[in-house]
């Protein structure tokens, strides 16, 4: 099965971009943020719901998929402005080909150290489980795509282990925190895909979010594993072109760049597959030697387990609470 290119759309307004996507008959991806509307009634910008009427404009597209906008939510708003229940209700409002579980991305500008990476993996696991539970109420479990997260290749295993019962031949998983990754290196895009290819059951397929076009020839050797990628990179090239020529960045200009971008990706897919040399693995973190730091690490891990199990909410991992929890562990260690 050839790797499929999905066009990321900035919105579903019925204009040149959407019309070109219909004409190209390519599957499209819309972000939850692109369907949001906001209000300033209380003197500040607040999320106020979904623009569901825009979904009617998706007629004529070959398929439409939905993303939870995890990176935008983290970088622009400091977290999701909507609840998991709000998001699943949006997923149930249209017959999406697939809709991605809510997730907590771990790019370096979002998760600044290993502790925060691991915290956000636990939140992603919990979000997957919550989305699936709510999806069952709406009868849309079959179209939900779980999302796994990680910084290092082996980080993704924590998410995979948590959803192992959902993995069967033909299952589709979204791979997050990919769009800002280098292609090369022990934490590069290909190192992640190669690791996942080695550990996932046969027949489980991957969708890689936001993959750079330059990576496509290196992904071709994994054709049996990767089903699709998406990107909205054409918007960046349109912005650069408008600036360079001193013209407005109109939707018509963006649509032209979208079509050119799609053509360029298909040229890349027709190239000879490229393979990178075996990547070195990232050495595991050494356990803390200081007793207090070890207590902090244990407290974090225990709280993560409770979040994943549904005993605590996603955002109940705060530094004061971690320190209070760790103090109990520390006293117990000293008394033992």
C-alpha atoms as a PDB file:
ATOM      1  CA  UNK A   1       0.000   0.000   0.000  1.00  0.00           C
ATOM      2  CA  UNK A   2       1.590   3.346  -1.023  1.00  0.00           C
ATOM      3  CA  UNK A   3       2.237   5.954   1.651  1.00  0.00           C
ATOM      4  CA  UNK A   4      -0.613   8.485   1.626  1.00  0.00           C
ATOM      5  CA  UNK A   5      -0.132  12.249   1.803  1.00  0.00           C
ATOM      6  CA  UNK A   6      -2.833  14.015   3.833  1.00  0.00           C
ATOM      7  CA  UNK A   7      -3.223  17.771   3.386  1.00  0.00           C
ATOM      8  CA  UNK A   8      -3.361  19.775   6.584  1.00  0.00           C
ATOM      9  CA  UNK A   9      -5.999  22.499   6.217  1.00  0.00           C
ATOM     10  CA  UNK A  10      -5.880  25.756   8.218  1.00  0.00           C
ATOM     11  CA  UNK A  11      -9.691  26.041   8.252  1.00  0.00           C
ATOM     12  CA  UNK A  12     -12.847  24.804   6.521  1.00  0.00           C
ATOM     13  CA  UNK A  13     -14.038  28.141   5.158  1.00  0.00           C
ATOM     14  CA  UNK A  14     -15.435  27.576   1.671  1.00  0.00           C
ATOM     15  CA  UNK A  15     -12.806  29.463  -0.314  1.00  0.00           C
ATOM     16  CA  UNK A  16      -9.812  28.855  -2.595  1.00  0.00           C
ATOM     17  CA  UNK A  17      -7.937  26.496  -0.221  1.00  0.00           C
ATOM     18  CA  UNK A  18     -10.861  24.157   0.348  1.00  0.00           C
ATOM     19  CA  UNK A  19     -11.911  24.310  -3.302  1.00  0.00           C
ATOM     20  CA  UNK A  20      -8.398  23.306  -4.393  1.00  0.00           C
ATOM     21  CA  UNK A  21      -8.347  20.442  -1.881  1.00  0.00           C
ATOM     22  CA  UNK A  22     -11.619  19.185  -3.383  1.00  0.00           C
ATOM     23  CA  UNK A  23     -10.219  19.464  -6.905  1.00  0.00           C
ATOM     24  CA  UNK A  24      -7.073  17.568  -5.933  1.00  0.00           C
ATOM     25  CA  UNK A  25      -9.196  14.836  -4.313  1.00  0.00           C
ATOM     26  CA  UNK A  26      -6.712  14.395  -1.527  1.00  0.00           C
ATOM     27  CA  UNK A  27      -7.670  13.418   2.042  1.00  0.00           C
ATOM     28  CA  UNK A  28      -7.466  16.370   4.413  1.00  0.00           C
ATOM     29  CA  UNK A  29      -6.787  16.943   8.104  1.00  0.00           C
ATOM     30  CA  UNK A  30      -8.386  19.710  10.158  1.00  0.00           C
ATOM     31  CA  UNK A  31      -7.216  20.699  13.628  1.00  0.00           C
ATOM     32  CA  UNK A  32      -9.653  21.157  16.505  1.00  0.00           C
ATOM     33  CA  UNK A  33      -8.162  24.625  16.827  1.00  0.00           C
ATOM     34  CA  UNK A  34      -9.205  25.366  13.243  1.00  0.00           C
ATOM     35  CA  UNK A  35     -12.819  24.615  14.209  1.00  0.00           C
ATOM     36  CA  UNK A  36     -12.775  26.670  17.417  1.00  0.00           C
ATOM     37  CA  UNK A  37     -14.453  29.988  18.024  1.00  0.00           C
ATOM     38  CA  UNK A  38     -13.526  32.470  20.695  1.00  0.00           C
ATOM     39  CA  UNK A  39     -15.169  35.277  22.641  1.00  0.00           C
ATOM     40  CA  UNK A  40     -13.981  38.414  24.442  1.00  0.00           C
ATOM     41  CA  UNK A  41     -17.175  38.913  26.449  1.00  0.00           C
ATOM     42  CA  UNK A  42     -15.373  38.899  29.790  1.00  0.00           C
ATOM     43  CA  UNK A  43     -12.532  41.147  28.670  1.00  0.00           C
ATOM     44  CA  UNK A  44     -10.179  38.354  27.645  1.00  0.00           C
ATOM     45  CA  UNK A  45     -10.051  35.880  24.788  1.00  0.00           C
ATOM     46  CA  UNK A  46     -11.762  32.634  25.807  1.00  0.00           C
ATOM     47  CA  UNK A  47     -12.632  29.446  23.954  1.00  0.00           C
ATOM     48  CA  UNK A  48     -16.396  29.351  23.374  1.00  0.00           C
ATOM     49  CA  UNK A  49     -17.117  26.168  21.427  1.00  0.00           C
ATOM     50  CA  UNK A  50     -16.919  24.615  17.976  1.00  0.00           C
ATOM     51  CA  UNK A  51     -17.833  26.048  14.598  1.00  0.00           C
ATOM     52  CA  UNK A  52     -19.789  22.945  13.652  1.00  0.00           C
ATOM     53  CA  UNK A  53     -21.503  24.617  10.689  1.00  0.00           C
ATOM     54  CA  UNK A  54     -18.147  24.682   8.883  1.00  0.00           C
ATOM     55  CA  UNK A  55     -18.117  20.885   8.777  1.00  0.00           C
ATOM     56  CA  UNK A  56     -20.807  21.072   6.083  1.00  0.00           C
ATOM     57  CA  UNK A  57     -18.142  22.604   3.820  1.00  0.00           C
ATOM     58  CA  UNK A  58     -16.207  19.335   3.858  1.00  0.00           C
ATOM     59  CA  UNK A  59     -18.521  17.879   1.202  1.00  0.00           C
ATOM     60  CA  UNK A  60     -16.576  16.893  -1.896  1.00  0.00           C
ATOM     61  CA  UNK A  61     -13.344  16.105  -0.060  1.00  0.00           C
ATOM     62  CA  UNK A  62     -12.165  12.537  -0.562  1.00  0.00           C
ATOM     63  CA  UNK A  63     -11.915  12.200   3.248  1.00  0.00           C
ATOM     64  CA  UNK A  64     -11.529  14.374   6.335  1.00  0.00           C
ATOM     65  CA  UNK A  65      -9.549  13.567   9.490  1.00  0.00           C
ATOM     66  CA  UNK A  66      -9.405  15.394  12.838  1.00  0.00           C
ATOM     67  CA  UNK A  67      -6.423  16.281  15.029  1.00  0.00           C
ATOM     68  CA  UNK A  68      -6.626  17.435  18.665  1.00  0.00           C
ATOM     69  CA  UNK A  69      -4.189  20.367  18.155  1.00  0.00           C
ATOM     70  CA  UNK A  70      -1.965  19.247  21.022  1.00  0.00           C
ATOM     71  CA  UNK A  71       1.092  21.297  20.013  1.00  0.00           C
ATOM     72  CA  UNK A  72      -0.886  24.470  19.320  1.00  0.00           C
ATOM     73  CA  UNK A  73      -2.754  24.076  22.613  1.00  0.00           C
ATOM     74  CA  UNK A  74       0.489  23.662  24.575  1.00  0.00           C
ATOM     75  CA  UNK A  75       2.502  26.387  22.830  1.00  0.00           C
ATOM     76  CA  UNK A  76      -0.220  29.007  22.359  1.00  0.00           C
ATOM     77  CA  UNK A  77      -2.602  28.447  25.266  1.00  0.00           C
ATOM     78  CA  UNK A  78      -0.519  26.591  27.857  1.00  0.00           C
ATOM     79  CA  UNK A  79      -2.856  23.581  27.611  1.00  0.00           C
ATOM     80  CA  UNK A  80      -6.122  22.498  26.036  1.00  0.00           C
ATOM     81  CA  UNK A  81      -8.734  25.269  26.331  1.00  0.00           C
ATOM     82  CA  UNK A  82     -11.441  22.627  25.833  1.00  0.00           C
ATOM     83  CA  UNK A  83     -12.126  19.447  27.792  1.00  0.00           C
ATOM     84  CA  UNK A  84     -11.638  15.902  26.554  1.00  0.00           C
ATOM     85  CA  UNK A  85     -15.442  15.572  26.537  1.00  0.00           C
ATOM     86  CA  UNK A  86     -15.720  18.700  24.341  1.00  0.00           C
ATOM     87  CA  UNK A  87     -13.205  17.242  21.907  1.00  0.00           C
ATOM     88  CA  UNK A  88     -14.849  13.819  21.637  1.00  0.00           C
ATOM     89  CA  UNK A  89     -18.199  15.535  21.043  1.00  0.00           C
ATOM     90  CA  UNK A  90     -16.567  17.320  18.089  1.00  0.00           C
ATOM     91  CA  UNK A  91     -15.235  13.991  16.799  1.00  0.00           C
ATOM     92  CA  UNK A  92     -18.782  12.607  16.936  1.00  0.00           C
ATOM     93  CA  UNK A  93     -20.237  15.569  14.999  1.00  0.00           C
ATOM     94  CA  UNK A  94     -18.915  14.439  11.586  1.00  0.00           C
ATOM     95  CA  UNK A  95     -18.054  11.118   9.896  1.00  0.00           C
ATOM     96  CA  UNK A  96     -14.285  11.637  10.024  1.00  0.00           C
ATOM     97  CA  UNK A  97     -12.169   8.941   8.407  1.00  0.00           C
ATOM     98  CA  UNK A  98     -10.261   8.976  11.687  1.00  0.00           C
ATOM     99  CA  UNK A  99      -9.916  11.310  14.628  1.00  0.00           C
ATOM    100  CA  UNK A 100      -6.786  11.423  16.734  1.00  0.00           C
ATOM    101  CA  UNK A 101      -6.877  10.999  20.483  1.00  0.00           C
ATOM    102  CA  UNK A 102      -5.962  14.063  22.519  1.00  0.00           C
ATOM    103  CA  UNK A 103      -2.261  13.954  23.404  1.00  0.00           C
ATOM    104  CA  UNK A 104       0.464  15.912  25.200  1.00  0.00           C
ATOM    105  CA  UNK A 105       3.385  16.659  22.887  1.00  0.00           C
ATOM    106  CA  UNK A 106       6.978  16.594  24.145  1.00  0.00           C
ATOM    107  CA  UNK A 107       8.901  18.858  21.758  1.00  0.00           C
ATOM    108  CA  UNK A 108      11.843  20.590  23.444  1.00  0.00           C
ATOM    109  CA  UNK A 109      10.079  23.963  23.612  1.00  0.00           C
ATOM    110  CA  UNK A 110       7.166  22.320  25.460  1.00  0.00           C
ATOM    111  CA  UNK A 111       8.808  19.676  27.667  1.00  0.00           C
ATOM    112  CA  UNK A 112      12.102  21.167  28.796  1.00  0.00           C
ATOM    113  CA  UNK A 113      13.541  18.219  30.751  1.00  0.00           C
ATOM    114  CA  UNK A 114      13.196  14.463  31.142  1.00  0.00           C
ATOM    115  CA  UNK A 115      10.782  14.732  34.063  1.00  0.00           C
ATOM    116  CA  UNK A 116       8.392  16.855  32.035  1.00  0.00           C
ATOM    117  CA  UNK A 117       8.675  14.472  29.074  1.00  0.00           C
ATOM    118  CA  UNK A 118       7.691  11.541  31.282  1.00  0.00           C
ATOM    119  CA  UNK A 119       4.887  13.537  32.926  1.00  0.00           C
ATOM    120  CA  UNK A 120       3.405  14.310  29.512  1.00  0.00           C
ATOM    121  CA  UNK A 121       3.653  10.666  28.419  1.00  0.00           C
ATOM    122  CA  UNK A 122       1.471   9.723  31.386  1.00  0.00           C
ATOM    123  CA  UNK A 123      -1.017  12.437  30.494  1.00  0.00           C
ATOM    124  CA  UNK A 124      -1.088  11.166  26.908  1.00  0.00           C
ATOM    125  CA  UNK A 125      -1.844   7.635  28.131  1.00  0.00           C
ATOM    126  CA  UNK A 126      -4.691   8.924  30.282  1.00  0.00           C
ATOM    127  CA  UNK A 127      -6.032  11.077  27.419  1.00  0.00           C
ATOM    128  CA  UNK A 128      -6.073   8.032  25.120  1.00  0.00           C
ATOM    129  CA  UNK A 129      -8.063   6.056  27.671  1.00  0.00           C
ATOM    130  CA  UNK A 130     -10.489   8.915  28.340  1.00  0.00           C
ATOM    131  CA  UNK A 131     -11.054   9.492  24.628  1.00  0.00           C
ATOM    132  CA  UNK A 132     -11.726   5.803  24.052  1.00  0.00           C
ATOM    133  CA  UNK A 133     -14.154   5.618  27.003  1.00  0.00           C
ATOM    134  CA  UNK A 134     -16.108   8.640  25.755  1.00  0.00           C
ATOM    135  CA  UNK A 135     -15.930   7.405  22.159  1.00  0.00           C
ATOM    136  CA  UNK A 136     -17.755   4.242  23.232  1.00  0.00           C
ATOM    137  CA  UNK A 137     -20.667   6.396  24.395  1.00  0.00           C
ATOM    138  CA  UNK A 138     -20.906   7.952  20.921  1.00  0.00           C
ATOM    139  CA  UNK A 139     -20.233   4.719  19.015  1.00  0.00           C
ATOM    140  CA  UNK A 140     -17.067   6.086  17.359  1.00  0.00           C
ATOM    141  CA  UNK A 141     -14.375   3.848  18.870  1.00  0.00           C
ATOM    142  CA  UNK A 142     -13.653   2.333  15.458  1.00  0.00           C
ATOM    143  CA  UNK A 143     -12.608   5.699  14.014  1.00  0.00           C
ATOM    144  CA  UNK A 144     -10.490   6.802  16.981  1.00  0.00           C
ATOM    145  CA  UNK A 145      -6.743   6.768  16.301  1.00  0.00           C
ATOM    146  CA  UNK A 146      -4.671   6.431  19.492  1.00  0.00           C
ATOM    147  CA  UNK A 147      -1.652   8.734  19.639  1.00  0.00           C
ATOM    148  CA  UNK A 148       1.695   7.801  21.156  1.00  0.00           C
ATOM    149  CA  UNK A 149       4.290  10.283  22.338  1.00  0.00           C
ATOM    150  CA  UNK A 150       8.001  10.316  23.121  1.00  0.00           C
ATOM    151  CA  UNK A 151      11.270  12.193  22.869  1.00  0.00           C
ATOM    152  CA  UNK A 152      13.580   9.194  22.593  1.00  0.00           C
ATOM    153  CA  UNK A 153      12.612   6.199  20.457  1.00  0.00           C
ATOM    154  CA  UNK A 154      12.112   3.955  23.495  1.00  0.00           C
ATOM    155  CA  UNK A 155       9.895   6.575  25.211  1.00  0.00           C
ATOM    156  CA  UNK A 156       7.087   5.578  22.866  1.00  0.00           C
ATOM    157  CA  UNK A 157       7.066   2.088  24.377  1.00  0.00           C
ATOM    158  CA  UNK A 158       5.396   3.408  27.538  1.00  0.00           C
ATOM    159  CA  UNK A 159       2.389   4.543  25.489  1.00  0.00           C
ATOM    160  CA  UNK A 160       2.364   1.368  23.402  1.00  0.00           C
ATOM    161  CA  UNK A 161       2.359  -0.844  26.492  1.00  0.00           C
ATOM    162  CA  UNK A 162      -0.638   1.095  27.841  1.00  0.00           C
ATOM    163  CA  UNK A 163      -2.731   0.500  24.698  1.00  0.00           C
ATOM    164  CA  UNK A 164      -1.449  -2.990  23.867  1.00  0.00           C
ATOM    165  CA  UNK A 165      -4.961  -4.477  24.042  1.00  0.00           C
ATOM    166  CA  UNK A 166      -6.083  -2.142  21.241  1.00  0.00           C
ATOM    167  CA  UNK A 167      -3.368  -3.215  18.806  1.00  0.00           C
ATOM    168  CA  UNK A 168      -4.500  -5.681  16.171  1.00  0.00           C
ATOM    169  CA  UNK A 169      -3.700  -6.118  12.463  1.00  0.00           C
ATOM    170  CA  UNK A 170      -5.075  -3.108  10.646  1.00  0.00           C
ATOM    171  CA  UNK A 171      -5.003  -0.825  13.722  1.00  0.00           C
ATOM    172  CA  UNK A 172      -3.749   2.704  13.048  1.00  0.00           C
ATOM    173  CA  UNK A 173      -1.627   4.653  15.579  1.00  0.00           C
ATOM    174  CA  UNK A 174      -0.639   8.310  15.398  1.00  0.00           C
ATOM    175  CA  UNK A 175       2.999   9.115  16.166  1.00  0.00           C
ATOM    176  CA  UNK A 176       3.331  12.518  17.816  1.00  0.00           C
ATOM    177  CA  UNK A 177       6.192  15.015  18.290  1.00  0.00           C
ATOM    178  CA  UNK A 178       7.558  14.363  14.806  1.00  0.00           C
ATOM    179  CA  UNK A 179       7.279  17.644  12.896  1.00  0.00           C
ATOM    180  CA  UNK A 180      10.266  19.408  14.507  1.00  0.00           C
ATOM    181  CA  UNK A 181      12.534  16.358  14.513  1.00  0.00           C
ATOM    182  CA  UNK A 182      15.668  16.011  12.437  1.00  0.00           C
ATOM    183  CA  UNK A 183      15.637  13.074  10.055  1.00  0.00           C
ATOM    184  CA  UNK A 184      18.994  11.797  11.343  1.00  0.00           C
ATOM    185  CA  UNK A 185      20.428  10.977  14.747  1.00  0.00           C
ATOM    186  CA  UNK A 186      19.618   8.695  17.689  1.00  0.00           C
ATOM    187  CA  UNK A 187      16.485  10.737  18.475  1.00  0.00           C
ATOM    188  CA  UNK A 188      15.729  11.483  14.821  1.00  0.00           C
ATOM    189  CA  UNK A 189      12.570  10.723  12.911  1.00  0.00           C
ATOM    190  CA  UNK A 190      13.947   7.593  11.260  1.00  0.00           C
ATOM    191  CA  UNK A 191      15.327   6.275  14.559  1.00  0.00           C
ATOM    192  CA  UNK A 192      11.816   6.571  16.033  1.00  0.00           C
ATOM    193  CA  UNK A 193      10.105   4.902  13.072  1.00  0.00           C
ATOM    194  CA  UNK A 194      12.708   2.140  12.932  1.00  0.00           C
ATOM    195  CA  UNK A 195      12.279   1.415  16.650  1.00  0.00           C
ATOM    196  CA  UNK A 196       8.496   1.326  16.353  1.00  0.00           C
ATOM    197  CA  UNK A 197       8.754  -0.961  13.332  1.00  0.00           C
ATOM    198  CA  UNK A 198      10.809  -3.399  15.412  1.00  0.00           C
ATOM    199  CA  UNK A 199       8.513  -3.532  18.469  1.00  0.00           C
ATOM    200  CA  UNK A 200       4.966  -3.196  17.109  1.00  0.00           C
ATOM    201  CA  UNK A 201       2.891  -6.248  16.187  1.00  0.00           C
ATOM    202  CA  UNK A 202       2.670  -7.090  12.498  1.00  0.00           C
ATOM    203  CA  UNK A 203      -0.130  -5.314  10.700  1.00  0.00           C
ATOM    204  CA  UNK A 204      -0.255  -2.276  12.994  1.00  0.00           C
ATOM    205  CA  UNK A 205       0.076   0.847  10.850  1.00  0.00           C
ATOM    206  CA  UNK A 206       1.374   4.333  11.644  1.00  0.00           C
ATOM    207  CA  UNK A 207       0.346   7.874  10.822  1.00  0.00           C
ATOM    208  CA  UNK A 208       3.268  10.281  11.351  1.00  0.00           C
ATOM    209  CA  UNK A 209       2.170  13.817  12.177  1.00  0.00           C
ATOM    210  CA  UNK A 210       3.788  16.755  10.407  1.00  0.00           C
ATOM    211  CA  UNK A 211       6.644  14.910   8.661  1.00  0.00           C
ATOM    212  CA  UNK A 212       8.964  17.049   6.535  1.00  0.00           C
ATOM    213  CA  UNK A 213       8.886  16.299   2.809  1.00  0.00           C
ATOM    214  CA  UNK A 214      12.657  15.749   2.784  1.00  0.00           C
ATOM    215  CA  UNK A 215      12.145  12.717   5.025  1.00  0.00           C
ATOM    216  CA  UNK A 216       9.898  10.867   2.571  1.00  0.00           C
ATOM    217  CA  UNK A 217      12.630   8.917   0.687  1.00  0.00           C
ATOM    218  CA  UNK A 218      13.921   7.657   4.070  1.00  0.00           C
ATOM    219  CA  UNK A 219      10.417   6.511   5.033  1.00  0.00           C
ATOM    220  CA  UNK A 220       9.914   4.442   1.880  1.00  0.00           C
ATOM    221  CA  UNK A 221      11.718   1.357   3.297  1.00  0.00           C
ATOM    222  CA  UNK A 222       9.012   1.308   6.004  1.00  0.00           C
ATOM    223  CA  UNK A 223       6.126   1.245   3.540  1.00  0.00           C
ATOM    224  CA  UNK A 224       4.530  -1.813   5.132  1.00  0.00           C
ATOM    225  CA  UNK A 225       4.387   0.056   8.448  1.00  0.00           C
ATOM    226  CA  UNK A 226       3.609   3.689   7.585  1.00  0.00           C
ATOM    227  CA  UNK A 227       0.159   4.369   6.210  1.00  0.00           C
ATOM    228  CA  UNK A 228       0.192   8.156   5.972  1.00  0.00           C
ATOM    229  CA  UNK A 229       1.745  11.480   6.884  1.00  0.00           C
ATOM    230  CA  UNK A 230       0.267  14.956   7.014  1.00  0.00           C
ATOM    231  CA  UNK A 231       1.702  18.430   6.694  1.00  0.00           C
ATOM    232  CA  UNK A 232       0.725  22.049   6.321  1.00  0.00           C
ATOM    233  CA  UNK A 233       4.229  23.082   5.252  1.00  0.00           C
ATOM    234  CA  UNK A 234       2.880  24.710   2.107  1.00  0.00           C
ATOM    235  CA  UNK A 235       1.575  27.539   4.300  1.00  0.00           C
ATOM    236  CA  UNK A 236       5.136  28.412   5.308  1.00  0.00           C
ATOM    237  CA  UNK A 237       6.315  28.480   1.696  1.00  0.00           C
ATOM    238  CA  UNK A 238       3.341  30.696   0.775  1.00  0.00           C
ATOM    239  CA  UNK A 239       4.231  33.142   3.556  1.00  0.00           C
ATOM    240  CA  UNK A 240       7.861  33.288   2.410  1.00  0.00           C
ATOM    241  CA  UNK A 241       6.837  33.799  -1.206  1.00  0.00           C
ATOM    242  CA  UNK A 242       4.453  36.614  -0.294  1.00  0.00           C
ATOM    243  CA  UNK A 243       7.163  38.348   1.748  1.00  0.00           C
ATOM    244  CA  UNK A 244       9.787  37.917  -0.965  1.00  0.00           C
ATOM    245  CA  UNK A 245       7.539  39.385  -3.668  1.00  0.00           C
ATOM    246  CA  UNK A 246       5.927  42.024  -1.480  1.00  0.00           C
ATOM    247  CA  UNK A 247       2.402  40.720  -2.021  1.00  0.00           C
ATOM    248  CA  UNK A 248      -0.472  39.676   0.218  1.00  0.00           C
ATOM    249  CA  UNK A 249      -0.609  36.082   1.476  1.00  0.00           C
ATOM    250  CA  UNK A 250      -4.057  35.362   0.059  1.00  0.00           C
ATOM    251  CA  UNK A 251      -5.880  32.037   0.248  1.00  0.00           C
ATOM    252  CA  UNK A 252      -5.497  31.750  -3.523  1.00  0.00           C
ATOM    253  CA  UNK A 253      -1.716  32.039  -3.182  1.00  0.00           C
ATOM    254  CA  UNK A 254      -1.780  29.462  -0.387  1.00  0.00           C
ATOM    255  CA  UNK A 255      -3.872  27.124  -2.564  1.00  0.00           C
ATOM    256  CA  UNK A 256      -1.307  27.389  -5.384  1.00  0.00           C
ATOM    257  CA  UNK A 257       1.488  26.495  -2.976  1.00  0.00           C
ATOM    258  CA  UNK A 258      -0.590  23.616  -1.620  1.00  0.00           C
ATOM    259  CA  UNK A 259      -0.934  22.108  -5.085  1.00  0.00           C
ATOM    260  CA  UNK A 260       2.782  22.567  -5.817  1.00  0.00           C
ATOM    261  CA  UNK A 261       3.654  21.004  -2.466  1.00  0.00           C
ATOM    262  CA  UNK A 262       1.518  17.933  -3.168  1.00  0.00           C
ATOM    263  CA  UNK A 263       3.181  17.498  -6.559  1.00  0.00           C
ATOM    264  CA  UNK A 264       6.627  17.760  -4.941  1.00  0.00           C
ATOM    265  CA  UNK A 265       5.757  15.085  -2.369  1.00  0.00           C
ATOM    266  CA  UNK A 266       4.660  12.660  -5.068  1.00  0.00           C
ATOM    267  CA  UNK A 267       7.949  13.244  -6.875  1.00  0.00           C
ATOM    268  CA  UNK A 268       9.746  12.354  -3.643  1.00  0.00           C
ATOM    269  CA  UNK A 269       7.629   9.214  -3.223  1.00  0.00           C
ATOM    270  CA  UNK A 270       8.743   8.102  -6.678  1.00  0.00           C
ATOM    271  CA  UNK A 271      12.435   8.404  -5.758  1.00  0.00           C
ATOM    272  CA  UNK A 272      14.709   5.518  -4.864  1.00  0.00           C
ATOM    273  CA  UNK A 273      14.248   4.577  -1.186  1.00  0.00           C
ATOM    274  CA  UNK A 274      17.069   5.829   1.015  1.00  0.00           C
ATOM    275  CA  UNK A 275      18.333   4.153   4.167  1.00  0.00           C
ATOM    276  CA  UNK A 276      20.228   5.701   7.054  1.00  0.00           C
ATOM    277  CA  UNK A 277      23.040   3.841   8.827  1.00  0.00           C
ATOM    278  CA  UNK A 278      22.101   2.166  12.103  1.00  0.00           C
ATOM    279  CA  UNK A 279      21.520   4.869  14.706  1.00  0.00           C
ATOM    280  CA  UNK A 280      23.192   4.695  18.092  1.00  0.00           C
ATOM    281  CA  UNK A 281      20.772   4.241  20.958  1.00  0.00           C
ATOM    282  CA  UNK A 282      20.406   6.904  23.626  1.00  0.00           C
ATOM    283  CA  UNK A 283      21.817   5.661  26.953  1.00  0.00           C
ATOM    284  CA  UNK A 284      19.235   5.425  29.760  1.00  0.00           C
ATOM    285  CA  UNK A 285      19.251   8.015  32.533  1.00  0.00           C
ATOM    286  CA  UNK A 286      21.244   7.052  35.606  1.00  0.00           C
ATOM    287  CA  UNK A 287      19.114   6.839  38.765  1.00  0.00           C
ATOM    288  CA  UNK A 288      19.645   9.757  41.167  1.00  0.00           C
ATOM    289  CA  UNK A 289      22.244   9.078  43.865  1.00  0.00           C
ATOM    290  CA  UNK A 290      20.976  11.738  46.286  1.00  0.00           C
ATOM    291  CA  UNK A 291      18.246  10.400  48.598  1.00  0.00           C
ATOM    292  CA  UNK A 292      16.007  13.472  48.243  1.00  0.00           C
ATOM    293  CA  UNK A 293      16.297  13.475  44.427  1.00  0.00           C
ATOM    294  CA  UNK A 294      15.520   9.735  44.442  1.00  0.00           C
ATOM    295  CA  UNK A 295      12.414  10.457  46.542  1.00  0.00           C
ATOM    296  CA  UNK A 296      11.335  13.149  44.054  1.00  0.00           C
ATOM    297  CA  UNK A 297      11.793  10.692  41.160  1.00  0.00           C
ATOM    298  CA  UNK A 298       9.777   8.012  42.968  1.00  0.00           C
ATOM    299  CA  UNK A 299       7.009  10.481  43.811  1.00  0.00           C
ATOM    300  CA  UNK A 300       6.751  11.562  40.179  1.00  0.00           C
ATOM    301  CA  UNK A 301       6.549   7.959  39.009  1.00  0.00           C
ATOM    302  CA  UNK A 302       3.846   7.068  41.542  1.00  0.00           C
ATOM    303  CA  UNK A 303       1.770  10.116  40.562  1.00  0.00           C
ATOM    304  CA  UNK A 304       2.197   9.274  36.861  1.00  0.00           C
ATOM    305  CA  UNK A 305       0.918   5.759  37.523  1.00  0.00           C
ATOM    306  CA  UNK A 306      -2.173   7.173  39.235  1.00  0.00           C
ATOM    307  CA  UNK A 307      -2.815   9.556  36.332  1.00  0.00           C
ATOM    308  CA  UNK A 308      -2.546   6.708  33.832  1.00  0.00           C
ATOM    309  CA  UNK A 309      -4.879   4.578  35.959  1.00  0.00           C
ATOM    310  CA  UNK A 310      -7.473   7.350  36.081  1.00  0.00           C
ATOM    311  CA  UNK A 311      -7.120   7.949  39.822  1.00  0.00           C
ATOM    312  CA  UNK A 312      -5.897  11.527  39.273  1.00  0.00           C
ATOM    313  CA  UNK A 313      -6.744  14.156  36.651  1.00  0.00           C
ATOM    314  CA  UNK A 314      -4.339  15.013  33.814  1.00  0.00           C
ATOM    315  CA  UNK A 315      -3.098  18.226  35.426  1.00  0.00           C
ATOM    316  CA  UNK A 316      -2.677  17.050  39.025  1.00  0.00           C
ATOM    317  CA  UNK A 317       1.102  16.825  38.716  1.00  0.00           C
ATOM    318  CA  UNK A 318       2.292  20.060  40.347  1.00  0.00           C
ATOM    319  CA  UNK A 319       5.638  20.793  41.960  1.00  0.00           C
ATOM    320  CA  UNK A 320       4.261  21.518  45.482  1.00  0.00           C
ATOM    321  CA  UNK A 321       2.343  18.256  45.475  1.00  0.00           C
ATOM    322  CA  UNK A 322       5.330  16.303  44.144  1.00  0.00           C
ATOM    323  CA  UNK A 323       7.515  17.722  46.930  1.00  0.00           C
ATOM    324  CA  UNK A 324       4.923  16.915  49.596  1.00  0.00           C
ATOM    325  CA  UNK A 325       4.592  13.351  48.244  1.00  0.00           C
ATOM    326  CA  UNK A 326       8.376  13.008  48.073  1.00  0.00           C
ATOM    327  CA  UNK A 327       8.735  14.197  51.680  1.00  0.00           C
ATOM    328  CA  UNK A 328       6.668  11.217  52.852  1.00  0.00           C
ATOM    329  CA  UNK A 329       8.841   8.855  50.800  1.00  0.00           C
ATOM    330  CA  UNK A 330      12.004  10.524  52.092  1.00  0.00           C
ATOM    331  CA  UNK A 331      10.924  10.173  55.744  1.00  0.00           C
ATOM    332  CA  UNK A 332      10.061   6.525  55.146  1.00  0.00           C
ATOM    333  CA  UNK A 333      13.493   5.910  53.588  1.00  0.00           C
ATOM    334  CA  UNK A 334      15.241   7.555  56.542  1.00  0.00           C
ATOM    335  CA  UNK A 335      13.218   5.529  59.051  1.00  0.00           C
ATOM    336  CA  UNK A 336      13.848   2.222  57.284  1.00  0.00           C
END
